[in-house]
N, C-alpha and C. Protein backbone atom coordinates (compact mmCIF):
# COMPACT_ATOMS: atom_id res chain seq x y z
N UNK A 1 149.58 47.85 95.70
CA UNK A 1 149.50 48.03 94.38
C UNK A 1 148.55 49.28 93.95
N UNK A 2 148.93 49.78 93.06
CA UNK A 2 147.41 50.88 92.49
C UNK A 2 146.86 49.88 90.90
N UNK A 3 146.23 50.56 91.01
CA UNK A 3 145.18 49.89 89.30
C UNK A 3 145.28 50.88 88.97
N UNK A 4 145.72 50.98 87.25
CA UNK A 4 146.26 51.52 86.55
C UNK A 4 145.40 51.45 84.85
N UNK A 5 144.91 52.31 84.59
CA UNK A 5 144.38 52.84 82.99
C UNK A 5 145.15 52.39 82.05
N UNK A 6 144.99 52.09 80.96
CA UNK A 6 145.67 51.50 80.19
C UNK A 6 145.30 51.63 78.90
N UNK A 7 145.57 51.62 77.98
CA UNK A 7 145.16 51.81 76.69
C UNK A 7 146.02 51.16 75.54
N UNK A 8 145.28 50.76 74.11
CA UNK A 8 145.15 49.64 73.16
C UNK A 8 146.11 50.87 72.29
N UNK A 9 146.53 50.57 71.36
CA UNK A 9 147.77 50.29 70.72
C UNK A 9 146.50 51.78 69.51
N UNK A 10 147.16 52.84 69.19
CA UNK A 10 146.31 53.10 67.54
C UNK A 10 145.50 53.00 66.97
N UNK A 11 146.59 51.56 66.34
CA UNK A 11 146.11 50.99 64.83
C UNK A 11 144.78 49.52 65.81
N UNK A 12 143.53 49.75 67.59
CA UNK A 12 143.29 49.05 67.34
C UNK A 12 141.89 49.96 67.58
N UNK A 13 141.27 49.90 66.45
CA UNK A 13 139.98 50.38 65.96
C UNK A 13 139.09 50.08 67.40
N UNK A 14 138.83 48.78 67.80
CA UNK A 14 137.84 48.68 68.59
C UNK A 14 137.79 49.08 69.78
N UNK A 15 138.84 48.81 70.29
CA UNK A 15 139.30 49.67 71.14
C UNK A 15 139.63 50.77 72.02
N UNK A 16 139.50 51.89 70.68
CA UNK A 16 139.72 53.47 70.55
C UNK A 16 138.87 54.22 71.52
N UNK A 17 138.97 54.91 72.58
CA UNK A 17 138.61 55.99 73.27
C UNK A 17 138.15 54.76 74.55
N UNK A 18 138.99 53.43 75.03
CA UNK A 18 138.23 52.90 76.20
C UNK A 18 139.76 52.28 75.80
N UNK A 19 139.82 51.92 77.73
CA UNK A 19 140.77 51.37 78.71
C UNK A 19 140.17 50.14 79.63
N UNK A 20 141.64 49.56 79.86
CA UNK A 20 141.03 48.32 80.20
C UNK A 20 141.68 49.09 81.99
N UNK A 21 141.36 47.75 82.76
CA UNK A 21 142.16 48.73 84.50
C UNK A 21 143.41 47.27 84.74
N UNK A 22 144.61 47.69 84.86
CA UNK A 22 145.44 46.53 85.21
C UNK A 22 145.41 46.36 86.62
N UNK A 23 145.64 45.59 87.47
CA UNK A 23 146.76 46.13 88.96
C UNK A 23 147.90 44.65 89.06
N UNK A 24 148.92 45.70 88.89
CA UNK A 24 149.86 44.61 88.97
C UNK A 24 149.98 43.87 87.75
N UNK A 25 150.52 42.45 87.82
CA UNK A 25 150.01 41.61 86.89
C UNK A 25 148.65 41.28 85.76
N UNK A 26 148.30 41.81 86.55
CA UNK A 26 146.09 41.33 86.70
C UNK A 26 145.27 42.20 85.45
N UNK A 27 144.96 41.66 84.75
CA UNK A 27 144.05 42.30 84.39
C UNK A 27 142.88 42.04 84.95
N UNK A 28 142.38 43.20 84.46
CA UNK A 28 140.66 43.66 85.54
C UNK A 28 139.44 43.52 84.77
N UNK A 29 138.29 42.85 84.77
CA UNK A 29 136.91 42.98 84.44
C UNK A 29 135.86 43.60 84.74
N UNK A 30 134.80 43.63 84.30
CA UNK A 30 133.14 43.76 85.10
C UNK A 30 132.31 42.72 84.40
N UNK A 31 131.14 42.36 85.30
CA UNK A 31 130.64 41.73 84.78
C UNK A 31 129.35 42.49 85.65
N UNK A 32 127.73 41.89 84.69
CA UNK A 32 126.52 42.18 84.73
C UNK A 32 126.82 42.72 86.33
N UNK A 33 126.63 41.94 87.08
CA UNK A 33 125.79 41.36 88.33
C UNK A 33 127.00 42.26 88.94
N UNK A 34 128.18 42.91 89.31
CA UNK A 34 128.73 43.87 89.70
C UNK A 34 128.46 44.85 89.41
N UNK A 35 127.77 45.12 88.82
CA UNK A 35 127.10 47.06 88.93
C UNK A 35 125.40 46.73 87.95
N UNK A 36 125.24 48.15 88.67
CA UNK A 36 123.83 48.16 88.77
C UNK A 36 123.48 48.99 87.61
N UNK A 37 123.40 48.07 86.28
CA UNK A 37 123.05 48.51 84.87
C UNK A 37 122.55 47.45 84.26
N UNK A 38 121.77 48.12 83.48
CA UNK A 38 120.53 47.57 82.61
C UNK A 38 121.91 46.30 81.58
N UNK A 39 122.26 47.24 81.05
CA UNK A 39 123.58 46.50 80.39
C UNK A 39 124.34 47.17 80.37
N UNK A 40 126.23 46.40 80.01
CA UNK A 40 127.33 46.71 80.29
C UNK A 40 127.51 48.60 79.70
N UNK A 41 127.19 48.16 78.13
CA UNK A 41 126.73 49.13 76.79
C UNK A 41 126.84 50.62 77.83
N UNK A 42 125.74 51.00 78.85
CA UNK A 42 125.78 52.09 79.52
C UNK A 42 126.46 52.87 80.91
N UNK A 43 127.59 51.60 80.59
CA UNK A 43 128.75 52.01 81.88
C UNK A 43 130.28 52.88 80.94
N UNK A 44 130.41 54.01 81.58
CA UNK A 44 131.90 54.74 80.96
C UNK A 44 132.46 54.75 82.15
N UNK A 45 134.38 54.43 82.79
CA UNK A 45 134.92 54.83 83.31
C UNK A 45 135.44 56.07 84.29
N UNK A 46 135.31 56.87 84.22
CA UNK A 46 135.79 58.29 85.09
C UNK A 46 137.73 58.50 84.14
N UNK A 47 137.87 59.32 83.63
CA UNK A 47 139.85 58.98 83.94
C UNK A 47 140.53 59.24 85.06
N UNK A 48 139.92 59.80 86.29
CA UNK A 48 140.54 60.27 87.78
C UNK A 48 139.63 58.75 88.60
N UNK A 49 139.24 57.90 88.36
CA UNK A 49 138.49 57.13 89.10
C UNK A 49 139.87 56.34 90.00
N UNK A 50 139.33 56.18 91.32
CA UNK A 50 140.15 55.46 92.61
C UNK A 50 139.22 54.37 92.48
N UNK A 51 140.65 53.16 92.60
CA UNK A 51 139.64 52.30 92.37
C UNK A 51 140.10 51.65 94.18
N UNK A 52 139.71 50.92 94.70
CA UNK A 52 139.87 50.28 95.95
C UNK A 52 140.00 49.13 96.13
N UNK A 53 140.95 48.24 96.56
CA UNK A 53 141.20 46.56 96.63
C UNK A 53 139.94 46.31 97.86
N UNK A 54 139.60 45.33 97.59
CA UNK A 54 138.77 44.57 98.47
C UNK A 54 138.90 43.04 98.00
N UNK A 55 138.70 42.13 99.17
CA UNK A 55 138.78 40.71 98.97
C UNK A 55 137.59 40.65 98.97
N UNK A 56 137.04 39.62 97.55
CA UNK A 56 136.22 39.14 96.94
C UNK A 56 136.29 37.55 97.07
N UNK A 57 134.94 36.64 97.66
CA UNK A 57 134.94 35.57 96.88
C UNK A 57 134.21 34.95 96.13
N UNK A 58 134.84 34.05 95.32
CA UNK A 58 134.25 33.92 94.16
C UNK A 58 134.19 32.19 94.20
N UNK A 59 133.16 31.06 94.63
CA UNK A 59 133.43 29.74 93.97
C UNK A 59 134.26 29.48 95.14
N UNK A 60 134.21 30.06 96.60
CA UNK A 60 135.15 29.69 96.99
C UNK A 60 136.70 30.19 98.15
N UNK A 61 137.10 31.03 96.77
CA UNK A 61 138.14 31.52 97.01
C UNK A 61 138.35 32.62 96.64
N UNK A 62 139.48 32.90 97.32
CA UNK A 62 138.50 35.05 97.91
C UNK A 62 140.39 35.45 96.42
N UNK A 63 139.92 36.36 96.01
CA UNK A 63 140.07 37.06 95.14
C UNK A 63 140.65 38.36 95.33
N UNK A 64 140.75 39.68 94.92
CA UNK A 64 140.90 41.06 94.94
C UNK A 64 140.48 41.92 94.13
N UNK A 65 139.25 42.62 94.38
CA UNK A 65 138.54 42.49 94.26
C UNK A 65 138.49 44.51 93.74
N UNK A 66 138.10 45.18 92.89
CA UNK A 66 138.70 46.61 92.56
C UNK A 66 137.34 47.51 92.57
N UNK A 67 136.21 47.82 93.76
CA UNK A 67 135.15 48.99 93.61
C UNK A 67 135.50 50.75 93.82
N UNK A 68 134.84 50.94 92.84
CA UNK A 68 134.50 52.09 92.67
C UNK A 68 133.39 53.10 91.54
N UNK A 69 133.33 54.14 91.43
CA UNK A 69 132.53 54.86 91.22
C UNK A 69 132.85 55.06 89.65
N UNK A 70 131.77 54.70 88.98
CA UNK A 70 131.36 54.26 87.45
C UNK A 70 130.97 55.19 87.02
N UNK A 71 130.39 55.68 86.02
CA UNK A 71 129.16 56.73 85.74
C UNK A 71 128.91 56.08 84.24
N UNK A 72 127.30 56.03 85.11
CA UNK A 72 125.67 55.16 84.15
C UNK A 72 125.13 56.14 83.57
N UNK A 73 125.42 55.87 82.37
CA UNK A 73 124.16 57.00 80.87
C UNK A 73 123.00 56.21 81.03
N UNK A 74 122.08 58.09 81.88
CA UNK A 74 121.03 57.06 82.05
C UNK A 74 120.55 57.04 80.42
N UNK A 75 118.87 56.64 81.11
CA UNK A 75 118.10 56.30 79.54
C UNK A 75 117.18 57.20 80.23
N UNK A 76 116.79 58.09 78.56
CA UNK A 76 115.23 58.44 78.08
C UNK A 76 114.40 57.57 78.40
N UNK A 77 112.88 58.13 78.81
CA UNK A 77 111.93 56.81 78.85
C UNK A 77 111.54 57.42 76.68
N UNK A 78 110.45 56.27 77.18
CA UNK A 78 110.93 55.18 74.95
C UNK A 78 111.70 55.15 74.45
N UNK A 79 113.15 55.06 75.92
CA UNK A 79 114.76 54.07 74.66
C UNK A 79 114.42 52.78 75.27
N UNK A 80 114.55 52.04 73.58
CA UNK A 80 114.25 50.67 73.00
C UNK A 80 115.56 50.23 72.62
N UNK A 81 116.42 49.60 73.55
CA UNK A 81 117.72 49.24 73.29
C UNK A 81 117.59 48.39 71.84
N UNK A 82 116.48 47.38 71.86
CA UNK A 82 116.46 47.18 70.80
C UNK A 82 116.30 47.26 69.12
N UNK A 83 115.87 48.47 69.55
CA UNK A 83 115.38 49.08 68.10
C UNK A 83 116.91 49.41 67.54
N UNK A 84 116.49 49.47 66.44
CA UNK A 84 118.19 49.07 65.16
C UNK A 84 118.44 51.20 64.88
N UNK A 85 117.36 51.57 65.10
CA UNK A 85 117.50 53.21 65.15
C UNK A 85 116.44 53.90 65.79
N UNK A 86 116.68 55.11 66.26
CA UNK A 86 115.98 56.04 67.76
C UNK A 86 116.78 57.46 66.85
N UNK A 87 115.49 58.04 67.85
CA UNK A 87 116.73 59.21 67.72
C UNK A 87 117.92 59.49 69.02
N UNK A 88 119.00 60.01 68.36
CA UNK A 88 119.59 60.13 69.84
C UNK A 88 119.08 61.48 70.98
N UNK A 89 119.25 60.55 71.91
CA UNK A 89 118.76 61.61 73.12
C UNK A 89 119.97 62.21 74.08
N UNK A 90 119.65 62.75 75.31
CA UNK A 90 121.19 63.58 75.71
C UNK A 90 121.60 62.69 76.13
N UNK A 91 123.07 62.98 77.12
CA UNK A 91 123.61 62.11 77.39
C UNK A 91 124.44 62.64 78.70
N UNK A 92 123.14 61.99 79.35
CA UNK A 92 123.54 63.06 81.19
C UNK A 92 124.29 61.22 82.26
N UNK A 93 124.46 61.52 82.65
CA UNK A 93 124.99 60.29 83.50
C UNK A 93 124.78 60.43 84.97
N UNK A 94 124.66 59.25 84.99
CA UNK A 94 124.81 59.07 86.83
C UNK A 94 125.75 58.08 88.14
N UNK A 95 126.33 58.49 88.75
CA UNK A 95 127.70 57.87 89.93
C UNK A 95 127.02 56.97 90.09
N UNK A 96 127.51 55.44 89.49
CA UNK A 96 127.64 54.03 90.28
C UNK A 96 128.31 53.93 91.22
N UNK A 97 128.04 52.83 92.42
CA UNK A 97 129.53 52.29 93.11
C UNK A 97 129.73 50.50 92.03
N UNK A 98 130.10 49.96 91.52
CA UNK A 98 130.98 48.73 90.75
C UNK A 98 131.71 48.21 91.25
N UNK A 99 132.10 46.45 91.32
CA UNK A 99 132.88 46.02 91.29
C UNK A 99 134.09 45.60 90.33
N UNK A 100 135.20 45.62 89.97
CA UNK A 100 135.93 45.15 89.11
C UNK A 100 136.37 43.35 90.13
N UNK A 101 136.73 42.40 89.17
CA UNK A 101 137.18 41.09 89.46
C UNK A 101 138.27 40.82 88.28
N UNK A 102 139.27 40.19 88.86
CA UNK A 102 139.96 40.10 87.87
C UNK A 102 139.99 39.11 86.69
N UNK A 103 140.12 39.67 85.74
CA UNK A 103 139.79 38.44 84.89
C UNK A 103 139.65 36.92 84.29
N UNK A 104 141.25 36.82 85.01
CA UNK A 104 140.55 34.83 85.10
C UNK A 104 139.96 34.82 85.97
N UNK A 105 139.24 35.07 86.79
CA UNK A 105 137.53 34.86 87.79
C UNK A 105 136.07 34.88 86.79
N UNK A 106 136.42 35.50 85.97
CA UNK A 106 135.06 35.53 85.46
C UNK A 106 134.46 34.41 84.96
N UNK A 107 133.08 34.92 85.00
CA UNK A 107 132.27 33.53 84.63
C UNK A 107 131.78 32.27 84.88
N UNK A 108 132.21 32.71 86.45
CA UNK A 108 132.03 31.40 87.20
C UNK A 108 130.49 31.69 88.74
N UNK A 109 129.96 33.05 88.18
CA UNK A 109 129.00 32.96 88.62
C UNK A 109 127.36 33.03 87.98
N UNK A 110 127.54 32.48 87.20
CA UNK A 110 126.40 32.54 86.22
C UNK A 110 126.16 33.36 84.93
N UNK A 111 125.22 32.74 84.72
CA UNK A 111 125.24 33.81 82.74
C UNK A 111 125.01 35.55 83.00
N UNK A 112 125.41 36.35 82.65
CA UNK A 112 126.09 37.82 82.27
C UNK A 112 127.23 38.10 82.00
N UNK A 113 127.04 39.55 81.09
CA UNK A 113 127.47 39.96 80.49
C UNK A 113 129.20 40.41 81.21
N UNK A 114 129.72 39.99 80.03
CA UNK A 114 131.44 41.19 80.63
C UNK A 114 132.40 41.97 80.10
N UNK A 115 132.96 42.66 80.40
CA UNK A 115 133.54 43.72 79.59
C UNK A 115 134.93 43.80 79.80
N UNK A 116 135.72 43.56 79.11
CA UNK A 116 137.32 44.35 79.96
C UNK A 116 137.86 45.93 79.23
N UNK A 117 136.96 46.31 77.89
CA UNK A 117 137.94 47.87 78.20
C UNK A 117 136.25 48.09 77.89
N UNK A 118 136.40 49.48 78.86
CA UNK A 118 135.39 50.67 79.00
C UNK A 118 135.74 51.42 78.47
N UNK A 119 134.90 52.30 78.02
CA UNK A 119 135.04 53.21 77.19
C UNK A 119 135.02 54.97 79.00
N UNK A 120 136.03 55.34 79.13
CA UNK A 120 136.63 56.50 79.22
C UNK A 120 136.51 57.24 78.98
N UNK A 121 135.28 58.46 79.95
CA UNK A 121 135.05 59.80 80.54
C UNK A 121 135.98 60.13 81.11
N UNK A 122 137.09 61.41 79.99
CA UNK A 122 137.51 62.45 80.97
C UNK A 122 137.17 63.33 81.68
N UNK A 123 137.50 63.72 82.76
CA UNK A 123 137.89 64.28 83.89
C UNK A 123 136.88 65.81 83.30
N UNK A 124 137.30 66.40 82.35
CA UNK A 124 136.52 67.80 81.38
C UNK A 124 135.72 67.76 80.59
N UNK A 125 135.17 66.62 80.83
CA UNK A 125 134.14 66.58 79.64
C UNK A 125 133.15 66.56 80.85
N UNK A 126 133.26 65.91 82.08
CA UNK A 126 132.33 65.52 83.41
C UNK A 126 132.34 67.21 83.21
N UNK A 127 133.25 68.07 83.81
CA UNK A 127 133.03 69.28 84.15
C UNK A 127 131.71 70.28 82.87
N UNK A 128 131.90 69.95 82.22
CA UNK A 128 131.67 70.97 80.91
C UNK A 128 130.24 70.05 81.16
N UNK A 129 129.71 69.66 81.86
CA UNK A 129 127.80 69.59 81.62
C UNK A 129 127.84 67.89 81.57
N UNK A 130 128.58 67.46 81.48
CA UNK A 130 128.08 65.68 80.77
C UNK A 130 127.62 64.43 81.73
N UNK A 131 128.45 65.24 83.04
CA UNK A 131 127.43 64.10 84.19
C UNK A 131 126.93 65.23 85.45
N UNK A 132 126.05 64.09 86.20
CA UNK A 132 124.78 64.98 86.88
C UNK A 132 125.39 64.80 88.14
C-alpha cells in the first residue's frame, strides 16, 4: 500500500492548507520525538513526499511507521517562540528525515507534541526559492 496525502473539506477552516497522511485504513501522526525540531509548528510536508514503510517497535509491539524527508523552517537568531508579536522573518527551509506512526500508537513513549494535520508546501513553491 502506498501512503497518500488527504485534505479536509474546505469548510474545516482549521485544516485549510494542511494534509493528513493515510496508508490503507490507517491515519498517521508525527510526534516531537520523531522529528529533529524544536516544535512541530515549524514542520511542513512537501506535496511530493515519498514515505517509506519501516517496522518500528513501540511498547514491545511492532507497527509500520513511515519515514520521509520533511521541511523544517529555519529560525533566525533572535526569534522568540514565546513572544506575542515579532518581526516577520525570512522563510527558508531545510530537509530533515522524520518518522510518522499510526495515530492509534501515539502517546506511548512519553510526553511530547503530536500532529495529524501538517501544513503542505507545493513543489512549485519550493522551486520558487522557498526551500534551501
